[in-house]
Structure formats: structure tokens, C-alpha cells
Protein backbone atom coordinates (compact mmCIF):
# COMPACT_ATOMS: atom_id res chain seq x y z
CA MET A 1 23.74 7.02 8.24
CA SER A 2 23.19 8.97 5.16
CA LYS A 3 20.03 11.01 4.69
CA PRO A 4 17.02 9.10 2.46
CA SER A 5 15.99 9.80 -0.88
CA LEU A 6 13.41 9.29 -2.27
CA ASP A 7 13.45 8.45 -6.45
CA ILE A 8 9.97 8.66 -8.11
CA HIS A 9 9.92 6.99 -11.77
CA PHE A 10 7.32 7.45 -14.47
CA GLY A 11 7.16 4.44 -17.08
CA ASP A 12 6.49 1.31 -17.57
CA ASN A 13 7.21 -1.02 -14.44
CA LEU A 14 8.61 -3.67 -16.04
CA GLU A 15 11.06 -1.66 -18.17
CA VAL A 16 12.23 0.60 -15.52
CA ILE A 17 13.24 -2.06 -12.56
CA SER A 18 15.26 -4.53 -15.16
CA ALA A 19 17.66 -1.55 -14.72
CA PHE A 20 18.27 -1.94 -11.08
CA GLU A 21 20.75 -4.00 -9.33
CA ASP A 22 20.14 -7.10 -8.44
CA ALA A 23 19.58 -7.54 -4.69
CA SER A 24 19.52 -3.84 -4.06
CA PHE A 25 15.95 -3.84 -2.05
CA ASP A 26 15.49 -4.65 1.22
CA LEU A 27 12.19 -4.41 1.41
CA ILE A 28 9.54 -4.47 -2.02
CA TYR A 29 5.83 -4.15 -1.65
CA LEU A 30 3.29 -4.54 -4.42
CA ASP A 31 -0.02 -3.54 -4.40
CA PRO A 32 -0.89 -4.34 -7.83
CA PRO A 33 -4.03 -3.82 -9.51
CA PHE A 34 -6.75 -6.41 -8.58
CA ASN A 35 -7.98 -7.19 -11.72
CA SER A 36 -11.38 -6.50 -10.93
CA GLY A 37 -12.61 -5.52 -14.76
CA LYS A 38 -13.89 -2.38 -13.73
CA GLN A 39 -12.30 1.46 -14.40
CA GLN A 40 -11.40 2.43 -11.09
CA ALA A 41 -11.62 5.83 -10.43
CA ARG A 42 -12.23 8.50 -6.96
CA THR A 43 -13.14 12.27 -7.27
CA ARG A 44 -12.34 14.51 -4.42
CA THR A 45 -15.33 16.45 -3.36
CA ARG A 46 -15.97 19.38 -0.65
CA LYS A 47 -19.36 20.94 1.00
CA VAL A 48 -19.13 25.09 0.44
CA ARG A 49 -21.52 27.81 1.63
CA ASP A 50 -24.27 28.36 -1.06
CA GLU A 51 -27.54 29.35 -0.52
CA GLY A 52 -28.77 27.66 -3.41
CA GLY A 53 -27.47 24.59 -2.35
CA THR A 54 -29.21 20.99 -2.14
CA HIS A 55 -27.17 20.21 0.96
CA VAL A 56 -28.45 21.34 4.52
CA GLY A 57 -26.39 21.23 7.43
CA PHE A 58 -26.81 22.92 11.26
CA GLY A 59 -28.73 26.27 11.40
CA GLY A 60 -30.10 25.29 8.08
CA LYS A 61 -27.56 26.45 5.77
CA ARG A 62 -27.07 25.50 2.74
CA TYR A 63 -24.05 23.96 0.94
CA ALA A 64 -23.08 22.46 -2.45
CA THR A 65 -20.41 20.15 -3.52
CA GLU A 66 -17.84 21.37 -5.21
CA VAL A 67 -15.67 19.11 -7.42
CA LEU A 68 -11.63 19.14 -6.84
CA GLY A 69 -10.53 16.97 -9.18
CA SER A 70 -10.60 13.21 -9.53
CA ALA A 71 -8.14 9.77 -11.02
CA SER A 72 -8.93 6.79 -12.45
CA TYR A 73 -7.22 4.20 -14.31
CA ALA A 74 -8.32 0.62 -15.92
CA ASP A 75 -8.24 -2.54 -13.99
CA ALA A 76 -8.97 -5.39 -16.06
CA PHE A 77 -7.04 -7.91 -17.38
CA GLY A 78 -8.71 -10.37 -17.55
CA ASP A 79 -7.42 -14.23 -18.24
CA ASP A 80 -3.50 -12.48 -19.15
CA TYR A 81 -3.29 -11.33 -15.30
CA LEU A 82 -0.68 -13.72 -14.36
CA ALA A 83 1.44 -13.50 -17.50
CA PHE A 84 1.25 -9.11 -17.07
CA LEU A 85 2.01 -10.36 -12.97
CA GLU A 86 5.09 -13.34 -13.82
CA PRO A 87 7.74 -11.22 -15.70
CA ARG A 88 7.06 -8.47 -12.57
CA LEU A 89 7.86 -11.07 -9.83
CA ARG A 90 10.39 -12.32 -11.67
CA GLU A 91 12.20 -8.76 -11.65
CA ALA A 92 11.23 -8.75 -7.71
CA GLU A 93 12.77 -11.94 -6.98
CA ARG A 94 16.15 -10.43 -8.69
CA LEU A 95 16.05 -7.47 -6.42
CA MET A 96 15.25 -8.96 -2.85
CA ALA A 97 18.83 -8.43 -0.83
CA ALA A 98 20.13 -11.50 0.92
CA ASP A 99 17.67 -10.58 3.68
CA GLY A 100 14.91 -8.97 2.31
CA SER A 101 11.28 -9.29 2.01
CA LEU A 102 8.19 -8.45 -0.75
CA PHE A 103 4.86 -8.47 0.02
CA LEU A 104 2.23 -8.99 -2.77
CA HIS A 105 -1.03 -7.20 -1.77
CA LEU A 106 -3.97 -8.34 -3.41
CA ASP A 107 -7.88 -9.19 -3.59
CA TYR A 108 -9.71 -12.41 -3.39
CA ARG A 109 -9.65 -12.06 -7.17
CA GLU A 110 -6.38 -13.37 -7.94
CA VAL A 111 -4.59 -14.30 -4.52
CA HIS A 112 -5.05 -17.72 -5.08
CA TYR A 113 -3.65 -18.11 -8.30
CA ALA A 114 -1.63 -15.37 -7.27
CA LYS A 115 -0.29 -17.88 -4.66
CA VAL A 116 0.46 -20.69 -6.69
CA LEU A 117 2.82 -18.56 -8.82
CA CYS A 118 4.45 -16.65 -6.42
CA ASP A 119 5.57 -20.76 -4.58
CA ALA A 120 6.99 -21.20 -8.14
CA VAL A 121 8.97 -18.11 -8.78
CA PHE A 122 10.10 -17.31 -5.07
CA GLY A 123 9.53 -21.61 -3.57
CA ARG A 124 6.94 -22.55 -1.22
CA GLU A 125 9.91 -22.53 1.50
CA ARG A 126 10.42 -19.24 1.39
CA PHE A 127 6.92 -18.23 1.84
CA MET A 128 6.62 -16.84 5.79
CA ASN A 129 2.68 -15.50 6.39
CA GLU A 130 -0.57 -14.76 5.24
CA ILE A 131 -1.66 -11.57 6.10
CA VAL A 132 -5.76 -10.39 6.42
CA TRP A 133 -5.98 -6.80 6.50
CA ALA A 134 -9.54 -6.53 7.61
CA TYR A 135 -11.77 -2.89 6.92
CA ASP A 136 -14.99 -2.39 7.53
CA TYR A 137 -16.35 0.36 5.13
CA GLY A 138 -18.79 0.83 2.07
CA GLY A 139 -22.00 -0.89 0.80
CA ARG A 140 -23.40 -4.17 1.76
CA PRO A 141 -25.02 -7.14 -0.61
CA LYS A 142 -27.90 -8.67 0.33
CA THR A 143 -26.35 -11.96 -2.40
CA ARG A 144 -23.49 -12.64 -0.45
CA TRP A 145 -21.90 -11.89 2.41
CA PRO A 146 -20.04 -8.00 2.11
CA ALA A 147 -16.34 -8.56 0.60
CA LYS A 148 -14.35 -6.32 3.52
CA HIS A 149 -11.18 -7.72 3.49
CA ASP A 150 -7.27 -7.68 1.09
CA THR A 151 -4.72 -10.47 1.11
CA ILE A 152 -0.81 -9.71 1.29
CA LEU A 153 1.58 -12.59 0.72
CA TRP A 154 4.65 -12.26 1.86
CA TYR A 155 8.00 -14.08 0.65
CA VAL A 156 12.03 -13.30 2.01
CA ALA A 157 14.79 -14.09 -0.02
CA ASP A 158 16.46 -17.12 3.17
CA PRO A 159 14.11 -17.70 5.29
CA ASP A 160 16.34 -18.01 7.98
CA ASP A 161 17.62 -14.78 7.62
CA TYR A 162 15.68 -11.84 6.84
CA CYS A 163 14.71 -8.60 8.99
CA PHE A 164 11.58 -8.55 11.46
CA ARG A 165 11.81 -6.35 14.30
CA TYR A 166 9.44 -7.01 16.91
CA ASP A 167 9.91 -4.22 19.07
CA ASP A 168 8.84 -1.89 16.35
CA ILE A 169 5.43 -3.71 16.39
CA ASP A 170 2.62 -0.99 16.86
CA ARG A 171 0.13 -2.35 19.49
CA ILE A 172 -3.12 -2.78 19.59
CA PRO A 173 -5.80 -1.98 22.49
CA TYR A 174 -7.14 -5.83 23.75
CA MET A 175 -10.89 -7.35 23.18
CA ALA A 176 -11.59 -7.78 26.59
CA PRO A 177 -8.42 -6.26 28.76
CA GLY A 178 -10.38 -7.42 31.98
CA LEU A 179 -9.32 -11.25 31.15
CA VAL A 180 -4.96 -9.83 31.19
CA THR A 181 -3.31 -7.65 33.76
CA PRO A 182 -3.59 -3.97 34.21
CA GLU A 183 -0.06 -3.81 32.72
CA LYS A 184 -0.56 -5.36 29.94
CA ALA A 185 -3.92 -3.64 29.06
CA ALA A 186 -1.80 -0.46 29.43
CA ARG A 187 0.58 -1.88 26.84
CA GLY A 188 -1.77 -3.94 24.43
CA LYS A 189 -0.55 -6.52 22.46
CA THR A 190 1.19 -7.50 19.32
CA PRO A 191 -1.04 -8.09 16.30
CA THR A 192 -1.68 -11.19 14.49
CA ASP A 193 -1.82 -11.97 10.85
CA VAL A 194 -4.99 -10.23 11.03
CA TRP A 195 -4.79 -6.75 10.85
CA TRP A 196 -8.15 -4.41 11.84
CA HIS A 197 -7.65 -1.43 10.26
CA THR A 198 -10.07 1.43 8.91
CA ILE A 199 -9.62 2.81 5.41
CA VAL A 200 -7.83 6.23 4.47
CA PRO A 201 -10.90 8.13 5.76
CA THR A 202 -13.02 10.50 3.64
CA SER A 203 -12.46 13.13 4.21
CA GLY A 204 -9.47 12.96 6.17
CA ARG A 205 -5.74 14.84 6.09
CA GLU A 206 -4.30 11.64 4.19
CA ARG A 207 -6.41 11.58 1.54
CA THR A 208 -5.28 12.00 -1.16
CA GLY A 209 -8.10 11.70 -4.13
CA TYR A 210 -6.09 8.13 -5.88
CA PRO A 211 -7.91 5.67 -6.37
CA THR A 212 -7.12 2.45 -3.78
CA GLN A 213 -4.86 4.88 -1.68
CA LYS A 214 -3.90 2.64 1.18
CA PRO A 215 -3.79 4.04 4.81
CA MET A 216 -0.36 4.68 6.04
CA GLY A 217 -0.82 2.76 9.41
CA ILE A 218 -0.20 0.07 7.15
CA MET A 219 2.15 0.75 5.52
CA ARG A 220 4.23 1.92 8.66
CA ARG A 221 3.79 -1.48 10.27
CA PHE A 222 5.18 -2.89 7.08
CA VAL A 223 8.06 -0.37 6.98
CA ARG A 224 8.97 -0.31 10.49
CA VAL A 225 9.20 -4.20 11.19
CA HIS A 226 10.10 -5.35 8.50
CA SER A 227 13.51 -2.97 7.22
CA ASP A 228 16.32 -1.01 9.11
CA PRO A 229 16.60 2.36 9.12
CA GLY A 230 18.72 3.01 6.58
CA ASP A 231 17.14 0.58 4.20
CA ARG A 232 15.74 0.53 0.58
CA VAL A 233 11.91 0.49 0.02
CA LEU A 234 10.93 -0.31 -3.23
CA ASP A 235 7.07 -0.30 -4.63
CA PHE A 236 6.71 -0.30 -8.03
CA PHE A 237 3.08 0.63 -8.32
CA ALA A 238 3.38 3.22 -6.53
CA GLY A 239 -0.10 4.71 -7.20
CA SER A 240 -0.28 8.30 -4.67
CA GLY A 241 3.37 6.79 -2.57
CA THR A 242 1.75 5.84 0.22
CA THR A 243 5.42 3.37 0.54
CA GLY A 244 7.35 6.64 -0.22
CA GLU A 245 6.04 8.65 2.84
CA ALA A 246 6.12 5.72 5.35
CA ALA A 247 9.68 4.92 4.03
CA ILE A 248 11.10 8.29 4.57
CA GLU A 249 9.26 9.11 7.96
CA ALA A 250 10.91 6.01 9.47
CA GLY A 251 14.53 6.99 7.59
CA ARG A 252 14.76 4.28 5.00
CA SER A 253 15.27 5.53 1.34
CA ALA A 254 12.39 4.27 -1.81
CA VAL A 255 12.65 4.33 -4.63
CA LEU A 256 8.80 4.37 -6.48
CA VAL A 257 7.86 3.22 -10.23
CA ASP A 258 4.45 3.67 -11.50
CA SER A 259 2.92 4.34 -15.40
CA ASN A 260 0.05 6.73 -14.79
CA ALA A 261 -0.01 10.25 -15.20
CA GLU A 262 -2.46 10.92 -12.68
CA ALA A 263 -0.49 8.86 -9.54
CA ILE A 264 2.78 10.66 -10.77
CA ASP A 265 0.48 13.94 -10.06
CA ALA A 266 -0.86 12.45 -7.01
CA MET A 267 2.87 12.34 -5.80
CA ARG A 268 4.04 15.51 -7.35
CA LYS A 269 1.72 17.22 -4.28
CA ARG A 270 1.87 14.68 -1.77
CA PHE A 271 5.87 14.82 -1.60
CA GLU A 272 6.13 19.43 -2.70
CA GLY A 273 8.75 20.78 -0.23
CA VAL A 274 10.03 17.23 1.01
CA GLU A 275 14.03 17.32 0.22
CA GLY A 276 15.58 14.25 -1.51
CA VAL A 277 13.28 13.93 -4.21
CA ARG A 278 14.12 13.39 -7.55
CA TRP A 279 11.96 12.19 -10.59
CA TRP A 280 12.71 10.00 -13.88
CA GLY A 281 10.84 10.13 -16.24
CA ALA A 282 8.21 12.92 -15.55
CA LYS A 283 8.72 16.20 -16.48
């Protein structure tokens, strides 16, 4: 088996992926902007010792906040969102291998409309699951139920022949371990279509500082269960490159595409020193 490779393209994703060969990817993961109507931004900071600082820590020591950098992108498409999404989904359908899968990651704003669009593009018979990623972080409004989940739609090229590596599913603890045998409790259970997983910790080593970064735990599950070693993975809304890291880690090759220069900068830092990385369209 050849060594995994990582190709990173800087440019408009529709233009870039239109040059890729038919049926050339075994797994496609898409995490497009959610059409929130806002400028998405993330600022990275750290606390440093400063006698004049406003933060007081253990033993009365004072700290100041130092800004390390920030990243942002516009997330506003208005009524044109599905018009933006449709040609990219049609290209993704063309690029799926015969036993390939596609995952479309959205939130409550557009996922219902996108489901209807995906059914038209892929066919309802190729829809496999609606996966809910639930987390518990951030503000809690007092005027409605707090929105604490994203929705991921799973489609396949062939509902009778697709990759699902059941034995590679990471197991989770039983919520009531006393109701099962000690052996089962020790082994854990497989997740359902509701995935409880924290977001990327604010001060964790995993964080790149890029807005909407997805946790490695989620991406590892997609890659390890829905592709085989040596397969090719595509993410053309690559952001900080989490899909690429999960793919390389699992022995898969990956192609990442993004048009945001800040995303490319984040990936340069993330993959610095990694062998086999090739850059396209980026200086």
C-alpha cells in the first residue's frame, strides 16, 4: 500500500473540484458555511503574567490577556444559499466512488432545505442516516430552547454496496452500566445516530484558532468507519484541515480545498513538518 498523501488547494472549490476525475474519492465530507448571516470570527488568546493585569489568579498573581491572532469569514448567502450549494453537491455526486459516501454537515438554519435538495441530487434511496452531533457549550438564551446540535446527512453512491467498518467504531460508556453485564460495561457500546461529543476545547492543544473548527473525535469516526486504509478522502470546505489530519492519521490520503487565505494559513501551521503535503494555488 502506498504512503498516504495530502494535497491542499487554495481556490474556489467549484473550479478546483471540476478538474478532478469521476468517481475518484471514497469519502467526501462537506462542512460548508451555515448561512448564519453573520461574520464568523475566532480570536486566540493566552494569559501572561503581568503585575498590571486585570485578571487575578491563584495566590493573588495578576495576569493580562495577550491576543495571538484571529481568523474570520463571511457566512451570509441569504436566499441564494441553495443556489450556492447545488452545483457543488452535483460535482460531489460525480466524484463519489462506486462504494463511496458523502456527509453534509449543517445546522438547523438550512439542513431541512438541503435535505430536499440532496434527495433531488442523489436520490432518496441513497440517503442512509441523519446524524445529530450534540454538544453542550456556549450561551443559553431565555427566550427559546438553546440550539446545541448540528445535523449531518449521509448519502451513498450505492445503497447495496458502501463502506461501513463496524468493528472500527469507537465505543462509548453505557449511561446505565449497572443494567448490563460487567463484560459489556467494560467494552462499552456503539453510538447511535446521536453523537454526544464536546466541541474543540477553547484552550486545548487541538485548537487552531480557526472559526467552526470541528473536533478530531468526530472526524476520526467518519474516516475510520466510512473508508478503508489507502482510500482517498475529499473535503472542499476544508477550514483548518481537521479532515486531512484524521485521514492521514488513519492511513488514508486526502484532498483539501479552501478559498479562504486564513484557512490556508491555519493548515500550513497544522501540517508543518508533515511528509507528503503538496500545495496547489498557494504561495
